[in-house]
């Protein structure tokens, strides 16, 4: 049971990270990909 919960949590976190990346890309289309990576690091912290 715990392993299934952990897998579901990991999938949900991956989906959230993809959504955050899509939103950051849509808001920061003109900037370089390095800025996108920095935004991802800020969200991780």
PDB file of N, CA and C in Angstrom:
ATOM      1  N   UNK A   1       0.834  -1.209   0.000  1.00  0.00           N
ATOM      2  CA  UNK A   1       0.000   0.000   0.000  1.00  0.00           C
ATOM      3  C   UNK A   1       0.869   1.260   0.000  1.00  0.00           C
ATOM      4  N   UNK A   2       1.884   1.280   0.868  1.00  0.00           N
ATOM      5  CA  UNK A   2       2.724   2.482   0.948  1.00  0.00           C
ATOM      6  C   UNK A   2       3.469   2.713  -0.365  1.00  0.00           C
ATOM      7  N   UNK A   3       3.930   1.619  -0.984  1.00  0.00           N
ATOM      8  CA  UNK A   3       4.648   1.782  -2.249  1.00  0.00           C
ATOM      9  C   UNK A   3       3.738   2.380  -3.314  1.00  0.00           C
ATOM     10  N   UNK A   4       2.475   1.952  -3.359  1.00  0.00           N
ATOM     11  CA  UNK A   4       1.532   2.514  -4.340  1.00  0.00           C
ATOM     12  C   UNK A   4       1.307   3.986  -4.062  1.00  0.00           C
ATOM     13  N   UNK A   5       1.175   4.364  -2.795  1.00  0.00           N
ATOM     14  CA  UNK A   5       0.959   5.784  -2.454  1.00  0.00           C
ATOM     15  C   UNK A   5       2.163   6.609  -2.899  1.00  0.00           C
ATOM     16  N   UNK A   6       3.373   6.077  -2.669  1.00  0.00           N
ATOM     17  CA  UNK A   6       4.584   6.808  -3.070  1.00  0.00           C
ATOM     18  C   UNK A   6       4.612   6.973  -4.587  1.00  0.00           C
ATOM     19  N   UNK A   7       4.266   5.917  -5.327  1.00  0.00           N
ATOM     20  CA  UNK A   7       4.262   6.022  -6.790  1.00  0.00           C
ATOM     21  C   UNK A   7       3.258   7.076  -7.249  1.00  0.00           C
ATOM     22  N   UNK A   8       2.057   7.086  -6.658  1.00  0.00           N
ATOM     23  CA  UNK A   8       1.038   8.065  -7.036  1.00  0.00           C
ATOM     24  C   UNK A   8       1.542   9.480  -6.728  1.00  0.00           C
ATOM     25  N   UNK A   9       2.188   9.651  -5.570  1.00  0.00           N
ATOM     26  CA  UNK A   9       2.713  10.964  -5.202  1.00  0.00           C
ATOM     27  C   UNK A   9       3.780  11.410  -6.195  1.00  0.00           C
ATOM     28  N   UNK A  10       4.670  10.481  -6.595  1.00  0.00           N
ATOM     29  CA  UNK A  10       5.716  10.836  -7.557  1.00  0.00           C
ATOM     30  C   UNK A  10       5.093  11.253  -8.886  1.00  0.00           C
ATOM     31  N   UNK A  11       4.085  10.536  -9.355  1.00  0.00           N
ATOM     32  CA  UNK A  11       3.435  10.880 -10.623  1.00  0.00           C
ATOM     33  C   UNK A  11       2.789  12.253 -10.524  1.00  0.00           C
ATOM     34  N   UNK A  12       2.121  12.534  -9.406  1.00  0.00           N
ATOM     35  CA  UNK A  12       1.468  13.836  -9.239  1.00  0.00           C
ATOM     36  C   UNK A  12       2.511  14.944  -9.219  1.00  0.00           C
ATOM     37  N   UNK A  13       3.650  14.726  -8.549  1.00  0.00           N
ATOM     38  CA  UNK A  13       4.703  15.749  -8.514  1.00  0.00           C
ATOM     39  C   UNK A  13       5.256  15.989  -9.912  1.00  0.00           C
ATOM     40  N   UNK A  14       5.448  14.915 -10.689  1.00  0.00           N
ATOM     41  CA  UNK A  14       5.960  15.061 -12.053  1.00  0.00           C
ATOM     42  C   UNK A  14       4.964  15.885 -12.883  1.00  0.00           C
ATOM     43  N   UNK A  15       3.661  15.598 -12.739  1.00  0.00           N
ATOM     44  CA  UNK A  15       2.642  16.338 -13.490  1.00  0.00           C
ATOM     45  C   UNK A  15       2.676  17.814 -13.093  1.00  0.00           C
ATOM     46  N   UNK A  16       2.810  18.080 -11.778  1.00  0.00           N
ATOM     47  CA  UNK A  16       2.859  19.473 -11.316  1.00  0.00           C
ATOM     48  C   UNK A  16       4.080  20.176 -11.915  1.00  0.00           C
ATOM     49  N   UNK A  17       5.241  19.496 -11.925  1.00  0.00           N
ATOM     50  CA  UNK A  17       6.439  20.112 -12.486  1.00  0.00           C
ATOM     51  C   UNK A  17       6.245  20.402 -13.973  1.00  0.00           C
ATOM     52  N   UNK A  18       5.600  19.487 -14.720  1.00  0.00           N
ATOM     53  CA  UNK A  18       5.344  19.735 -16.137  1.00  0.00           C
ATOM     54  C   UNK A  18       4.428  20.941 -16.314  1.00  0.00           C
ATOM     55  N   UNK A  19       3.391  21.056 -15.476  1.00  0.00           N
ATOM     56  CA  UNK A  19       2.482  22.208 -15.573  1.00  0.00           C
ATOM     57  C   UNK A  19       3.235  23.494 -15.269  1.00  0.00           C
ATOM     58  N   UNK A  20       4.081  23.475 -14.247  1.00  0.00           N
ATOM     59  CA  UNK A  20       4.859  24.673 -13.901  1.00  0.00           C
ATOM     60  C   UNK A  20       5.793  25.043 -15.049  1.00  0.00           C
ATOM     61  N   UNK A  21       6.428  24.044 -15.660  1.00  0.00           N
ATOM     62  CA  UNK A  21       7.325  24.319 -16.780  1.00  0.00           C
ATOM     63  C   UNK A  21       6.547  24.919 -17.944  1.00  0.00           C
ATOM     64  N   UNK A  22       5.345  24.396 -18.236  1.00  0.00           N
ATOM     65  CA  UNK A  22       4.543  24.940 -19.330  1.00  0.00           C
ATOM     66  C   UNK A  22       4.157  26.382 -19.041  1.00  0.00           C
ATOM     67  N   UNK A  23       3.736  26.676 -17.816  1.00  0.00           N
ATOM     68  CA  UNK A  23       3.333  28.042 -17.481  1.00  0.00           C
ATOM     69  C   UNK A  23       4.527  28.976 -17.557  1.00  0.00           C
ATOM     70  N   UNK A  24       5.698  28.542 -17.041  1.00  0.00           N
ATOM     71  CA  UNK A  24       6.888  29.399 -17.077  1.00  0.00           C
ATOM     72  C   UNK A  24       7.302  29.640 -18.530  1.00  0.00           C
ATOM     73  N   UNK A  25       7.207  28.612 -19.380  1.00  0.00           N
ATOM     74  CA  UNK A  25       7.567  28.785 -20.790  1.00  0.00           C
ATOM     75  C   UNK A  25       6.594  29.750 -21.466  1.00  0.00           C
ATOM     76  N   UNK A  26       5.311  29.644 -21.164  1.00  0.00           N
ATOM     77  CA  UNK A  26       4.333  30.513 -21.800  1.00  0.00           C
ATOM     78  C   UNK A  26       4.530  31.964 -21.359  1.00  0.00           C
ATOM     79  N   UNK A  27       4.893  32.156 -20.074  1.00  0.00           N
ATOM     80  CA  UNK A  27       5.110  33.528 -19.592  1.00  0.00           C
ATOM     81  C   UNK A  27       6.460  34.073 -20.048  1.00  0.00           C
ATOM     82  N   UNK A  28       7.458  33.180 -20.228  1.00  0.00           N
ATOM     83  CA  UNK A  28       8.817  33.613 -20.562  1.00  0.00           C
ATOM     84  C   UNK A  28       9.231  33.029 -21.916  1.00  0.00           C
ATOM     85  N   UNK A  29       8.484  33.343 -22.964  1.00  0.00           N
ATOM     86  CA  UNK A  29       8.797  32.788 -24.282  1.00  0.00           C
ATOM     87  C   UNK A  29      10.021  33.471 -24.870  1.00  0.00           C
ATOM     88  N   UNK A  30      10.206  34.763 -24.610  1.00  0.00           N
ATOM     89  CA  UNK A  30      11.298  35.510 -25.237  1.00  0.00           C
ATOM     90  C   UNK A  30      12.635  35.301 -24.540  1.00  0.00           C
ATOM     91  N   UNK A  31      12.616  34.786 -23.299  1.00  0.00           N
ATOM     92  CA  UNK A  31      13.872  34.626 -22.559  1.00  0.00           C
ATOM     93  C   UNK A  31      14.559  33.317 -22.917  1.00  0.00           C
ATOM     94  N   UNK A  32      15.807  33.176 -22.478  1.00  0.00           N
ATOM     95  CA  UNK A  32      16.595  31.989 -22.798  1.00  0.00           C
ATOM     96  C   UNK A  32      16.191  30.812 -21.910  1.00  0.00           C
ATOM     97  N   UNK A  33      16.479  29.577 -22.341  1.00  0.00           N
ATOM     98  CA  UNK A  33      16.113  28.406 -21.527  1.00  0.00           C
ATOM     99  C   UNK A  33      16.810  28.396 -20.170  1.00  0.00           C
ATOM    100  N   UNK A  34      17.968  29.076 -20.038  1.00  0.00           N
ATOM    101  CA  UNK A  34      18.651  29.118 -18.736  1.00  0.00           C
ATOM    102  C   UNK A  34      17.748  29.766 -17.690  1.00  0.00           C
ATOM    103  N   UNK A  35      17.029  30.825 -18.084  1.00  0.00           N
ATOM    104  CA  UNK A  35      16.110  31.464 -17.141  1.00  0.00           C
ATOM    105  C   UNK A  35      14.998  30.503 -16.738  1.00  0.00           C
ATOM    106  N   UNK A  36      14.558  29.679 -17.674  1.00  0.00           N
ATOM    107  CA  UNK A  36      13.520  28.691 -17.348  1.00  0.00           C
ATOM    108  C   UNK A  36      14.038  27.714 -16.300  1.00  0.00           C
ATOM    109  N   UNK A  37      15.283  27.269 -16.470  1.00  0.00           N
ATOM    110  CA  UNK A  37      15.860  26.355 -15.480  1.00  0.00           C
ATOM    111  C   UNK A  37      15.939  27.040 -14.112  1.00  0.00           C
ATOM    112  N   UNK A  38      16.336  28.313 -14.084  1.00  0.00           N
ATOM    113  CA  UNK A  38      16.391  29.040 -12.809  1.00  0.00           C
ATOM    114  C   UNK A  38      15.011  29.096 -12.174  1.00  0.00           C
ATOM    115  N   UNK A  39      13.978  29.306 -12.977  1.00  0.00           N
ATOM    116  CA  UNK A  39      12.619  29.348 -12.429  1.00  0.00           C
ATOM    117  C   UNK A  39      12.260  27.994 -11.823  1.00  0.00           C
ATOM    118  N   UNK A  40      12.646  26.911 -12.483  1.00  0.00           N
ATOM    119  CA  UNK A  40      12.358  25.570 -11.946  1.00  0.00           C
ATOM    120  C   UNK A  40      13.062  25.388 -10.603  1.00  0.00           C
ATOM    121  N   UNK A  41      14.329  25.851 -10.506  1.00  0.00           N
ATOM    122  CA  UNK A  41      15.053  25.716  -9.239  1.00  0.00           C
ATOM    123  C   UNK A  41      14.365  26.523  -8.143  1.00  0.00           C
ATOM    124  N   UNK A  42      13.879  27.720  -8.474  1.00  0.00           N
ATOM    125  CA  UNK A  42      13.200  28.521  -7.451  1.00  0.00           C
ATOM    126  C   UNK A  42      11.941  27.799  -6.986  1.00  0.00           C
ATOM    127  N   UNK A  43      11.203  27.167  -7.905  1.00  0.00           N
ATOM    128  CA  UNK A  43       9.993  26.439  -7.499  1.00  0.00           C
ATOM    129  C   UNK A  43      10.367  25.237  -6.628  1.00  0.00           C
ATOM    130  N   UNK A  44      11.490  24.578  -6.925  1.00  0.00           N
ATOM    131  CA  UNK A  44      11.907  23.423  -6.118  1.00  0.00           C
ATOM    132  C   UNK A  44      12.213  23.867  -4.694  1.00  0.00           C
ATOM    133  N   UNK A  45      12.835  25.040  -4.536  1.00  0.00           N
ATOM    134  CA  UNK A  45      13.184  25.528  -3.189  1.00  0.00           C
ATOM    135  C   UNK A  45      11.889  25.972  -2.497  1.00  0.00           C
TER     136      UNK A  45
END
